[in-house]
Amino acid sequence: MRETQEARNEVKVAASNTLVTLASCYFDHVMYELHCHLKPPTLPEEFILVTLGNLSSAYARKCIPFVRVTLNTMFSMLEFVKDGRLRQAFCGGKCQHLRQVPQMDI
């Protein structure tokens, strides 16, 4: 059972890394697909939130048009999060978005 969970986690990490890499050429498409998984009150999987955080770190300027909708959606879903790991992923994703904005020369 534990090996199966570890294998799933490895696949999710690989998928997240692949999406971040694809975003270098297809950023809007990747963000669209990730936002399709942010539909309150249904909670997204942890790797969706981690991927959003990684995207905001890697492509901060490209994230600017998506910051408001991403943060609003995440804030509205936070009250439904009971799991500690998922709450940490939510907070980590929001922090990555917020951390990148002040560093930009807008």
PDB file of N, CA and C in Angstrom:
ATOM      1  N   MET A   1       0.829  -1.199   0.000  1.00  0.00           N
ATOM      2  CA  MET A   1       0.000   0.000   0.000  1.00  0.00           C
ATOM      3  C   MET A   1       0.873   1.263   0.000  1.00  0.00           C
ATOM      4  N   ARG A   2       1.900   1.245   0.846  1.00  0.00           N
ATOM      5  CA  ARG A   2       2.781   2.406   0.945  1.00  0.00           C
ATOM      6  C   ARG A   2       3.542   2.625  -0.351  1.00  0.00           C
ATOM      7  N   GLU A   3       3.979   1.544  -0.988  1.00  0.00           N
ATOM      8  CA  GLU A   3       4.688   1.654  -2.261  1.00  0.00           C
ATOM      9  C   GLU A   3       3.789   2.225  -3.344  1.00  0.00           C
ATOM     10  N   THR A   4       2.526   1.837  -3.308  1.00  0.00           N
ATOM     11  CA  THR A   4       1.567   2.367  -4.281  1.00  0.00           C
ATOM     12  C   THR A   4       1.389   3.864  -4.095  1.00  0.00           C
ATOM     13  N   GLN A   5       1.279   4.319  -2.860  1.00  0.00           N
ATOM     14  CA  GLN A   5       1.132   5.748  -2.581  1.00  0.00           C
ATOM     15  C   GLN A   5       2.385   6.510  -3.008  1.00  0.00           C
ATOM     16  N   GLU A   6       3.548   5.945  -2.753  1.00  0.00           N
ATOM     17  CA  GLU A   6       4.792   6.594  -3.168  1.00  0.00           C
ATOM     18  C   GLU A   6       4.878   6.692  -4.685  1.00  0.00           C
ATOM     19  N   ALA A   7       4.433   5.651  -5.380  1.00  0.00           N
ATOM     20  CA  ALA A   7       4.423   5.681  -6.844  1.00  0.00           C
ATOM     21  C   ALA A   7       3.466   6.750  -7.356  1.00  0.00           C
ATOM     22  N   ARG A   8       2.307   6.864  -6.733  1.00  0.00           N
ATOM     23  CA  ARG A   8       1.350   7.911  -7.118  1.00  0.00           C
ATOM     24  C   ARG A   8       1.940   9.297  -6.906  1.00  0.00           C
ATOM     25  N   ASN A   9       2.597   9.471  -5.781  1.00  0.00           N
ATOM     26  CA  ASN A   9       3.216  10.767  -5.498  1.00  0.00           C
ATOM     27  C   ASN A   9       4.297  11.104  -6.520  1.00  0.00           C
ATOM     28  N   GLU A  10       5.083  10.107  -6.907  1.00  0.00           N
ATOM     29  CA  GLU A  10       6.119  10.334  -7.913  1.00  0.00           C
ATOM     30  C   GLU A  10       5.502  10.735  -9.253  1.00  0.00           C
ATOM     31  N   VAL A  11       4.403  10.114  -9.610  1.00  0.00           N
ATOM     32  CA  VAL A  11       3.717  10.463 -10.862  1.00  0.00           C
ATOM     33  C   VAL A  11       3.176  11.887 -10.781  1.00  0.00           C
ATOM     34  N   LYS A  12       2.622  12.259  -9.637  1.00  0.00           N
ATOM     35  CA  LYS A  12       2.084  13.616  -9.476  1.00  0.00           C
ATOM     36  C   LYS A  12       3.196  14.664  -9.531  1.00  0.00           C
ATOM     37  N   VAL A  13       4.325  14.370  -8.924  1.00  0.00           N
ATOM     38  CA  VAL A  13       5.463  15.298  -8.979  1.00  0.00           C
ATOM     39  C   VAL A  13       5.950  15.429 -10.422  1.00  0.00           C
ATOM     40  N   ALA A  14       6.025  14.316 -11.123  1.00  0.00           N
ATOM     41  CA  ALA A  14       6.449  14.353 -12.522  1.00  0.00           C
ATOM     42  C   ALA A  14       5.456  15.138 -13.372  1.00  0.00           C
ATOM     43  N   ALA A  15       4.170  14.940 -13.121  1.00  0.00           N
ATOM     44  CA  ALA A  15       3.141  15.683 -13.861  1.00  0.00           C
ATOM     45  C   ALA A  15       3.248  17.176 -13.580  1.00  0.00           C
ATOM     46  N   SER A  16       3.458  17.534 -12.320  1.00  0.00           N
ATOM     47  CA  SER A  16       3.604  18.933 -11.951  1.00  0.00           C
ATOM     48  C   SER A  16       4.812  19.557 -12.633  1.00  0.00           C
ATOM     49  N   ASN A  17       5.932  18.864 -12.608  1.00  0.00           N
ATOM     50  CA  ASN A  17       7.149  19.364 -13.253  1.00  0.00           C
ATOM     51  C   ASN A  17       6.967  19.494 -14.759  1.00  0.00           C
ATOM     52  N   THR A  18       6.252  18.552 -15.348  1.00  0.00           N
ATOM     53  CA  THR A  18       5.988  18.609 -16.788  1.00  0.00           C
ATOM     54  C   THR A  18       5.125  19.810 -17.138  1.00  0.00           C
ATOM     55  N   LEU A  19       4.105  20.074 -16.321  1.00  0.00           N
ATOM     56  CA  LEU A  19       3.247  21.236 -16.576  1.00  0.00           C
ATOM     57  C   LEU A  19       4.027  22.544 -16.456  1.00  0.00           C
ATOM     58  N   VAL A  20       4.906  22.627 -15.474  1.00  0.00           N
ATOM     59  CA  VAL A  20       5.719  23.836 -15.320  1.00  0.00           C
ATOM     60  C   VAL A  20       6.631  24.013 -16.534  1.00  0.00           C
ATOM     61  N   THR A  21       7.187  22.928 -17.017  1.00  0.00           N
ATOM     62  CA  THR A  21       8.044  22.998 -18.203  1.00  0.00           C
ATOM     63  C   THR A  21       7.239  23.390 -19.436  1.00  0.00           C
ATOM     64  N   LEU A  22       6.065  22.793 -19.618  1.00  0.00           N
ATOM     65  CA  LEU A  22       5.207  23.132 -20.758  1.00  0.00           C
ATOM     66  C   LEU A  22       4.762  24.594 -20.726  1.00  0.00           C
ATOM     67  N   ALA A  23       4.657  25.144 -19.524  1.00  0.00           N
ATOM     68  CA  ALA A  23       4.204  26.529 -19.387  1.00  0.00           C
ATOM     69  C   ALA A  23       5.175  27.523 -20.012  1.00  0.00           C
ATOM     70  N   SER A  24       6.408  27.126 -20.223  1.00  0.00           N
ATOM     71  CA  SER A  24       7.351  28.046 -20.858  1.00  0.00           C
ATOM     72  C   SER A  24       6.886  28.416 -22.268  1.00  0.00           C
ATOM     73  N   CYS A  25       6.180  27.512 -22.931  1.00  0.00           N
ATOM     74  CA  CYS A  25       5.668  27.779 -24.289  1.00  0.00           C
ATOM     75  C   CYS A  25       4.150  27.939 -24.320  1.00  0.00           C
ATOM     76  N   TYR A  26       3.466  27.281 -23.404  1.00  0.00           N
ATOM     77  CA  TYR A  26       1.992  27.237 -23.429  1.00  0.00           C
ATOM     78  C   TYR A  26       1.412  27.677 -22.094  1.00  0.00           C
ATOM     79  N   PHE A  27       1.878  28.815 -21.597  1.00  0.00           N
ATOM     80  CA  PHE A  27       1.505  29.248 -20.253  1.00  0.00           C
ATOM     81  C   PHE A  27      -0.004  29.387 -20.081  1.00  0.00           C
ATOM     82  N   ASP A  28      -0.665  30.092 -20.988  1.00  0.00           N
ATOM     83  CA  ASP A  28      -2.107  30.313 -20.857  1.00  0.00           C
ATOM     84  C   ASP A  28      -2.886  29.000 -20.857  1.00  0.00           C
ATOM     85  N   HIS A  29      -2.470  28.054 -21.669  1.00  0.00           N
ATOM     86  CA  HIS A  29      -3.150  26.761 -21.730  1.00  0.00           C
ATOM     87  C   HIS A  29      -2.990  25.985 -20.423  1.00  0.00           C
ATOM     88  N   VAL A  30      -1.777  26.022 -19.879  1.00  0.00           N
ATOM     89  CA  VAL A  30      -1.524  25.318 -18.623  1.00  0.00           C
ATOM     90  C   VAL A  30      -2.328  25.958 -17.494  1.00  0.00           C
ATOM     91  N   MET A  31      -2.329  27.279 -17.423  1.00  0.00           N
ATOM     92  CA  MET A  31      -3.100  27.963 -16.377  1.00  0.00           C
ATOM     93  C   MET A  31      -4.595  27.678 -16.519  1.00  0.00           C
ATOM     94  N   TYR A  32      -5.080  27.653 -17.745  1.00  0.00           N
ATOM     95  CA  TYR A  32      -6.492  27.347 -17.965  1.00  0.00           C
ATOM     96  C   TYR A  32      -6.829  25.964 -17.412  1.00  0.00           C
ATOM     97  N   GLU A  33      -6.006  24.984 -17.735  1.00  0.00           N
ATOM     98  CA  GLU A  33      -6.264  23.617 -17.266  1.00  0.00           C
ATOM     99  C   GLU A  33      -6.191  23.529 -15.744  1.00  0.00           C
ATOM    100  N   LEU A  34      -5.237  24.223 -15.135  1.00  0.00           N
ATOM    101  CA  LEU A  34      -5.145  24.202 -13.679  1.00  0.00           C
ATOM    102  C   LEU A  34      -6.345  24.889 -13.037  1.00  0.00           C
ATOM    103  N   HIS A  35      -6.790  25.997 -13.632  1.00  0.00           N
ATOM    104  CA  HIS A  35      -7.954  26.686 -13.086  1.00  0.00           C
ATOM    105  C   HIS A  35      -9.232  25.877 -13.247  1.00  0.00           C
ATOM    106  N   CYS A  36      -9.269  24.975 -14.198  1.00  0.00           N
ATOM    107  CA  CYS A  36     -10.436  24.083 -14.341  1.00  0.00           C
ATOM    108  C   CYS A  36     -10.587  23.180 -13.116  1.00  0.00           C
ATOM    109  N   HIS A  37      -9.499  22.977 -12.374  1.00  0.00           N
ATOM    110  CA  HIS A  37      -9.538  22.148 -11.171  1.00  0.00           C
ATOM    111  C   HIS A  37      -9.797  22.969  -9.911  1.00  0.00           C
ATOM    112  N   LEU A  38      -9.928  24.274 -10.055  1.00  0.00           N
ATOM    113  CA  LEU A  38     -10.223  25.150  -8.911  1.00  0.00           C
ATOM    114  C   LEU A  38     -11.679  25.581  -8.980  1.00  0.00           C
ATOM    115  N   LYS A  39     -12.559  24.673  -8.656  1.00  0.00           N
ATOM    116  CA  LYS A  39     -13.993  24.942  -8.698  1.00  0.00           C
ATOM    117  C   LYS A  39     -14.594  24.695  -7.316  1.00  0.00           C
ATOM    118  N   PRO A  40     -14.826  25.780  -6.553  1.00  0.00           N
ATOM    119  CA  PRO A  40     -15.420  25.606  -5.226  1.00  0.00           C
ATOM    120  C   PRO A  40     -16.809  24.971  -5.345  1.00  0.00           C
ATOM    121  N   PRO A  41     -17.253  24.203  -4.411  1.00  0.00           N
ATOM    122  CA  PRO A  41     -16.603  23.799  -3.160  1.00  0.00           C
ATOM    123  C   PRO A  41     -15.755  22.538  -3.296  1.00  0.00           C
ATOM    124  N   THR A  42     -15.607  21.998  -4.491  1.00  0.00           N
ATOM    125  CA  THR A  42     -14.768  20.821  -4.684  1.00  0.00           C
ATOM    126  C   THR A  42     -13.303  21.204  -4.515  1.00  0.00           C
ATOM    127  N   LEU A  43     -12.619  20.477  -3.667  1.00  0.00           N
ATOM    128  CA  LEU A  43     -11.211  20.785  -3.404  1.00  0.00           C
ATOM    129  C   LEU A  43     -10.320  20.129  -4.453  1.00  0.00           C
ATOM    130  N   PRO A  44      -9.312  20.848  -4.916  1.00  0.00           N
ATOM    131  CA  PRO A  44      -8.380  20.264  -5.890  1.00  0.00           C
ATOM    132  C   PRO A  44      -7.405  19.324  -5.203  1.00  0.00           C
ATOM    133  N   GLU A  45      -6.726  18.531  -6.006  1.00  0.00           N
ATOM    134  CA  GLU A  45      -5.669  17.691  -5.455  1.00  0.00           C
ATOM    135  C   GLU A  45      -4.484  18.575  -5.073  1.00  0.00           C
ATOM    136  N   GLU A  46      -3.700  18.085  -4.156  1.00  0.00           N
ATOM    137  CA  GLU A  46      -2.557  18.844  -3.645  1.00  0.00           C
ATOM    138  C   GLU A  46      -1.602  19.253  -4.763  1.00  0.00           C
ATOM    139  N   PHE A  47      -1.376  18.371  -5.738  1.00  0.00           N
ATOM    140  CA  PHE A  47      -0.384  18.684  -6.764  1.00  0.00           C
ATOM    141  C   PHE A  47      -0.831  19.840  -7.657  1.00  0.00           C
ATOM    142  N   ILE A  48      -2.132  20.100  -7.756  1.00  0.00           N
ATOM    143  CA  ILE A  48      -2.624  21.259  -8.509  1.00  0.00           C
ATOM    144  C   ILE A  48      -2.138  22.534  -7.829  1.00  0.00           C
ATOM    145  N   LEU A  49      -2.264  22.581  -6.518  1.00  0.00           N
ATOM    146  CA  LEU A  49      -1.845  23.765  -5.759  1.00  0.00           C
ATOM    147  C   LEU A  49      -0.328  23.937  -5.789  1.00  0.00           C
ATOM    148  N   VAL A  50       0.380  22.838  -5.673  1.00  0.00           N
ATOM    149  CA  VAL A  50       1.845  22.897  -5.735  1.00  0.00           C
ATOM    150  C   VAL A  50       2.281  23.394  -7.108  1.00  0.00           C
ATOM    151  N   THR A  51       1.618  22.906  -8.156  1.00  0.00           N
ATOM    152  CA  THR A  51       1.957  23.330  -9.515  1.00  0.00           C
ATOM    153  C   THR A  51       1.691  24.812  -9.705  1.00  0.00           C
ATOM    154  N   LEU A  52       0.564  25.306  -9.185  1.00  0.00           N
ATOM    155  CA  LEU A  52       0.280  26.746  -9.263  1.00  0.00           C
ATOM    156  C   LEU A  52       1.362  27.559  -8.565  1.00  0.00           C
ATOM    157  N   GLY A  53       1.799  27.094  -7.407  1.00  0.00           N
ATOM    158  CA  GLY A  53       2.882  27.779  -6.695  1.00  0.00           C
ATOM    159  C   GLY A  53       4.185  27.755  -7.481  1.00  0.00           C
ATOM    160  N   ASN A  54       4.494  26.615  -8.077  1.00  0.00           N
ATOM    161  CA  ASN A  54       5.720  26.510  -8.876  1.00  0.00           C
ATOM    162  C   ASN A  54       5.654  27.389 -10.118  1.00  0.00           C
ATOM    163  N   LEU A  55       4.484  27.468 -10.721  1.00  0.00           N
ATOM    164  CA  LEU A  55       4.319  28.341 -11.892  1.00  0.00           C
ATOM    165  C   LEU A  55       4.531  29.802 -11.523  1.00  0.00           C
ATOM    166  N   SER A  56       3.991  30.202 -10.382  1.00  0.00           N
ATOM    167  CA  SER A  56       4.147  31.601  -9.991  1.00  0.00           C
ATOM    168  C   SER A  56       5.592  31.936  -9.653  1.00  0.00           C
ATOM    169  N   SER A  57       6.356  30.953  -9.201  1.00  0.00           N
ATOM    170  CA  SER A  57       7.772  31.184  -8.944  1.00  0.00           C
ATOM    171  C   SER A  57       8.568  31.243 -10.244  1.00  0.00           C
ATOM    172  N   ALA A  58       8.255  30.345 -11.151  1.00  0.00           N
ATOM    173  CA  ALA A  58       9.020  30.249 -12.390  1.00  0.00           C
ATOM    174  C   ALA A  58       8.639  31.327 -13.407  1.00  0.00           C
ATOM    175  N   TYR A  59       7.379  31.722 -13.429  1.00  0.00           N
ATOM    176  CA  TYR A  59       6.886  32.649 -14.459  1.00  0.00           C
ATOM    177  C   TYR A  59       6.060  33.762 -13.812  1.00  0.00           C
ATOM    178  N   ALA A  60       6.682  34.489 -12.903  1.00  0.00           N
ATOM    179  CA  ALA A  60       5.965  35.500 -12.129  1.00  0.00           C
ATOM    180  C   ALA A  60       5.269  36.532 -13.010  1.00  0.00           C
ATOM    181  N   ARG A  61       5.942  37.038 -14.008  1.00  0.00           N
ATOM    182  CA  ARG A  61       5.341  38.065 -14.865  1.00  0.00           C
ATOM    183  C   ARG A  61       4.148  37.531 -15.643  1.00  0.00           C
ATOM    184  N   LYS A  62       4.220  36.303 -16.086  1.00  0.00           N
ATOM    185  CA  LYS A  62       3.111  35.719 -16.836  1.00  0.00           C
ATOM    186  C   LYS A  62       1.906  35.446 -15.931  1.00  0.00           C
ATOM    187  N   CYS A  63       2.138  35.348 -14.634  1.00  0.00           N
ATOM    188  CA  CYS A  63       1.055  35.061 -13.685  1.00  0.00           C
ATOM    189  C   CYS A  63       0.219  36.291 -13.342  1.00  0.00           C
ATOM    190  N   ILE A  64       0.722  37.478 -13.626  1.00  0.00           N
ATOM    191  CA  ILE A  64       0.031  38.698 -13.207  1.00  0.00           C
ATOM    192  C   ILE A  64      -1.446  38.723 -13.597  1.00  0.00           C
ATOM    193  N   PRO A  65      -1.815  38.395 -14.842  1.00  0.00           N
ATOM    194  CA  PRO A  65      -3.243  38.437 -15.183  1.00  0.00           C
ATOM    195  C   PRO A  65      -4.089  37.410 -14.426  1.00  0.00           C
ATOM    196  N   PHE A  66      -3.466  36.410 -13.847  1.00  0.00           N
ATOM    197  CA  PHE A  66      -4.191  35.332 -13.181  1.00  0.00           C
ATOM    198  C   PHE A  66      -4.197  35.451 -11.662  1.00  0.00           C
ATOM    199  N   VAL A  67      -3.449  36.393 -11.114  1.00  0.00           N
ATOM    200  CA  VAL A  67      -3.285  36.465  -9.661  1.00  0.00           C
ATOM    201  C   VAL A  67      -4.617  36.686  -8.959  1.00  0.00           C
ATOM    202  N   ARG A  68      -5.394  37.641  -9.410  1.00  0.00           N
ATOM    203  CA  ARG A  68      -6.654  37.966  -8.721  1.00  0.00           C
ATOM    204  C   ARG A  68      -7.617  36.785  -8.718  1.00  0.00           C
ATOM    205  N   VAL A  69      -7.841  36.188  -9.875  1.00  0.00           N
ATOM    206  CA  VAL A  69      -8.799  35.080  -9.950  1.00  0.00           C
ATOM    207  C   VAL A  69      -8.289  33.869  -9.174  1.00  0.00           C
ATOM    208  N   THR A  70      -6.991  33.622  -9.228  1.00  0.00           N
ATOM    209  CA  THR A  70      -6.421  32.484  -8.499  1.00  0.00           C
ATOM    210  C   THR A  70      -6.570  32.675  -7.000  1.00  0.00           C
ATOM    211  N   LEU A  71      -6.179  33.841  -6.505  1.00  0.00           N
ATOM    212  CA  LEU A  71      -6.261  34.083  -5.056  1.00  0.00           C
ATOM    213  C   LEU A  71      -7.698  34.125  -4.572  1.00  0.00           C
ATOM    214  N   ASN A  72      -8.599  34.756  -5.314  1.00  0.00           N
ATOM    215  CA  ASN A  72     -10.007  34.791  -4.914  1.00  0.00           C
ATOM    216  C   ASN A  72     -10.594  33.390  -4.827  1.00  0.00           C
ATOM    217  N   THR A  73     -10.285  32.575  -5.805  1.00  0.00           N
ATOM    218  CA  THR A  73     -10.796  31.207  -5.799  1.00  0.00           C
ATOM    219  C   THR A  73     -10.219  30.418  -4.640  1.00  0.00           C
ATOM    220  N   MET A  74      -8.915  30.563  -4.419  1.00  0.00           N
ATOM    221  CA  MET A  74      -8.279  29.823  -3.338  1.00  0.00           C
ATOM    222  C   MET A  74      -8.794  30.272  -1.975  1.00  0.00           C
ATOM    223  N   PHE A  75      -8.989  31.569  -1.786  1.00  0.00           N
ATOM    224  CA  PHE A  75      -9.530  32.055  -0.513  1.00  0.00           C
ATOM    225  C   PHE A  75     -10.938  31.514  -0.272  1.00  0.00           C
ATOM    226  N   SER A  76     -11.746  31.452  -1.334  1.00  0.00           N
ATOM    227  CA  SER A  76     -13.114  30.962  -1.151  1.00  0.00           C
ATOM    228  C   SER A  76     -13.156  29.468  -0.831  1.00  0.00           C
ATOM    229  N   MET A  77     -12.139  28.734  -1.214  1.00  0.00           N
ATOM    230  CA  MET A  77     -12.110  27.302  -0.958  1.00  0.00           C
ATOM    231  C   MET A  77     -11.407  26.945   0.349  1.00  0.00           C
ATOM    232  N   LEU A  78     -10.661  27.850   0.908  1.00  0.00           N
ATOM    233  CA  LEU A  78      -9.845  27.542   2.087  1.00  0.00           C
ATOM    234  C   LEU A  78     -10.690  27.082   3.272  1.00  0.00           C
ATOM    235  N   GLU A  79     -11.885  27.594   3.407  1.00  0.00           N
ATOM    236  CA  GLU A  79     -12.728  27.211   4.545  1.00  0.00           C
ATOM    237  C   GLU A  79     -13.137  25.734   4.493  1.00  0.00           C
ATOM    238  N   PHE A  80     -13.078  25.112   3.316  1.00  0.00           N
ATOM    239  CA  PHE A  80     -13.449  23.708   3.171  1.00  0.00           C
ATOM    240  C   PHE A  80     -12.287  22.757   3.418  1.00  0.00           C
ATOM    241  N   VAL A  81     -11.099  23.296   3.573  1.00  0.00           N
ATOM    242  CA  VAL A  81      -9.904  22.462   3.726  1.00  0.00           C
ATOM    243  C   VAL A  81      -9.760  22.053   5.186  1.00  0.00           C
ATOM    244  N   LYS A  82      -9.795  20.754   5.407  1.00  0.00           N
ATOM    245  CA  LYS A  82      -9.644  20.223   6.768  1.00  0.00           C
ATOM    246  C   LYS A  82      -8.325  19.467   6.929  1.00  0.00           C
ATOM    247  N   ASP A  83      -7.803  18.941   5.827  1.00  0.00           N
ATOM    248  CA  ASP A  83      -6.566  18.159   5.845  1.00  0.00           C
ATOM    249  C   ASP A  83      -5.355  19.087   5.975  1.00  0.00           C
ATOM    250  N   GLY A  84      -4.428  18.727   6.851  1.00  0.00           N
ATOM    251  CA  GLY A  84      -3.254  19.564   7.104  1.00  0.00           C
ATOM    252  C   GLY A  84      -2.346  19.732   5.896  1.00  0.00           C
ATOM    253  N   ARG A  85      -2.116  18.645   5.154  1.00  0.00           N
ATOM    254  CA  ARG A  85      -1.241  18.727   3.971  1.00  0.00           C
ATOM    255  C   ARG A  85      -1.861  19.617   2.902  1.00  0.00           C
ATOM    256  N   LEU A  86      -3.162  19.480   2.698  1.00  0.00           N
ATOM    257  CA  LEU A  86      -3.834  20.290   1.680  1.00  0.00           C
ATOM    258  C   LEU A  86      -3.862  21.759   2.100  1.00  0.00           C
ATOM    259  N   ARG A  87      -4.074  22.009   3.391  1.00  0.00           N
ATOM    260  CA  ARG A  87      -4.044  23.391   3.887  1.00  0.00           C
ATOM    261  C   ARG A  87      -2.661  24.003   3.673  1.00  0.00           C
ATOM    262  N   GLN A  88      -1.626  23.213   3.915  1.00  0.00           N
ATOM    263  CA  GLN A  88      -0.259  23.684   3.696  1.00  0.00           C
ATOM    264  C   GLN A  88      -0.030  23.986   2.218  1.00  0.00           C
ATOM    265  N   ALA A  89      -0.545  23.141   1.334  1.00  0.00           N
ATOM    266  CA  ALA A  89      -0.404  23.370  -0.102  1.00  0.00           C
ATOM    267  C   ALA A  89      -1.152  24.637  -0.519  1.00  0.00           C
ATOM    268  N   PHE A  90      -2.346  24.847   0.051  1.00  0.00           N
ATOM    269  CA  PHE A  90      -3.095  26.068  -0.237  1.00  0.00           C
ATOM    270  C   PHE A  90      -2.296  27.295   0.166  1.00  0.00           C
ATOM    271  N   CYS A  91      -1.815  27.279   1.397  1.00  0.00           N
ATOM    272  CA  CYS A  91      -1.063  28.434   1.901  1.00  0.00           C
ATOM    273  C   CYS A  91       0.229  28.637   1.121  1.00  0.00           C
ATOM    274  N   GLY A  92       0.896  27.552   0.776  1.00  0.00           N
ATOM    275  CA  GLY A  92       2.128  27.651  -0.005  1.00  0.00           C
ATOM    276  C   GLY A  92       1.873  28.238  -1.378  1.00  0.00           C
ATOM    277  N   GLY A  93       0.806  27.809  -2.028  1.00  0.00           N
ATOM    278  CA  GLY A  93       0.465  28.346  -3.347  1.00  0.00           C
ATOM    279  C   GLY A  93       0.123  29.821  -3.287  1.00  0.00           C
ATOM    280  N   LYS A  94      -0.640  30.213  -2.258  1.00  0.00           N
ATOM    281  CA  LYS A  94      -0.991  31.634  -2.117  1.00  0.00           C
ATOM    282  C   LYS A  94       0.241  32.466  -1.810  1.00  0.00           C
ATOM    283  N   CYS A  95       1.106  31.957  -0.948  1.00  0.00           N
ATOM    284  CA  CYS A  95       2.319  32.703  -0.608  1.00  0.00           C
ATOM    285  C   CYS A  95       3.203  32.899  -1.832  1.00  0.00           C
ATOM    286  N   GLN A  96       3.311  31.877  -2.680  1.00  0.00           N
ATOM    287  CA  GLN A  96       4.132  32.010  -3.882  1.00  0.00           C
ATOM    288  C   GLN A  96       3.575  33.113  -4.772  1.00  0.00           C
ATOM    289  N   HIS A  97       2.260  33.175  -4.941  1.00  0.00           N
ATOM    290  CA  HIS A  97       1.666  34.232  -5.754  1.00  0.00           C
ATOM    291  C   HIS A  97       1.934  35.605  -5.140  1.00  0.00           C
ATOM    292  N   LEU A  98       1.700  35.715  -3.842  1.00  0.00           N
ATOM    293  CA  LEU A  98       1.864  37.009  -3.190  1.00  0.00           C
ATOM    294  C   LEU A  98       3.330  37.433  -3.102  1.00  0.00           C
ATOM    295  N   ARG A  99       4.230  36.497  -2.969  1.00  0.00           N
ATOM    296  CA  ARG A  99       5.643  36.793  -2.835  1.00  0.00           C
ATOM    297  C   ARG A  99       6.210  37.363  -4.135  1.00  0.00           C
ATOM    298  N   GLN A 100       5.699  36.935  -5.262  1.00  0.00           N
ATOM    299  CA  GLN A 100       6.245  37.343  -6.542  1.00  0.00           C
ATOM    300  C   GLN A 100       5.812  38.747  -6.954  1.00  0.00           C
ATOM    301  N   VAL A 101       4.636  39.172  -6.583  1.00  0.00           N
ATOM    302  CA  VAL A 101       4.094  40.448  -7.044  1.00  0.00           C
ATOM    303  C   VAL A 101       4.948  41.645  -6.645  1.00  0.00           C
ATOM    304  N   PRO A 102       5.372  41.811  -5.368  1.00  0.00           N
ATOM    305  CA  PRO A 102       6.155  43.000  -5.005  1.00  0.00           C
ATOM    306  C   PRO A 102       7.518  43.078  -5.689  1.00  0.00           C
ATOM    307  N   GLN A 103       8.052  41.964  -6.176  1.00  0.00           N
ATOM    308  CA  GLN A 103       9.376  41.958  -6.772  1.00  0.00           C
ATOM    309  C   GLN A 103       9.369  42.464  -8.218  1.00  0.00           C
ATOM    310  N   MET A 104       8.223  42.647  -8.770  1.00  0.00           N
ATOM    311  CA  MET A 104       8.131  43.021 -10.184  1.00  0.00           C
ATOM    312  C   MET A 104       8.187  44.529 -10.374  1.00  0.00           C
ATOM    313  N   ASP A 105       8.722  44.918 -11.493  1.00  0.00           N
ATOM    314  CA  ASP A 105       8.777  46.321 -11.856  1.00  0.00           C
ATOM    315  C   ASP A 105       7.569  46.641 -12.734  1.00  0.00           C
ATOM    316  N   ILE A 106       6.458  46.919 -12.106  1.00  0.00           N
ATOM    317  CA  ILE A 106       5.229  47.185 -12.861  1.00  0.00           C
ATOM    318  C   ILE A 106       5.064  48.683 -13.037  1.00  0.00           C
TER     319      ILE A 106
END
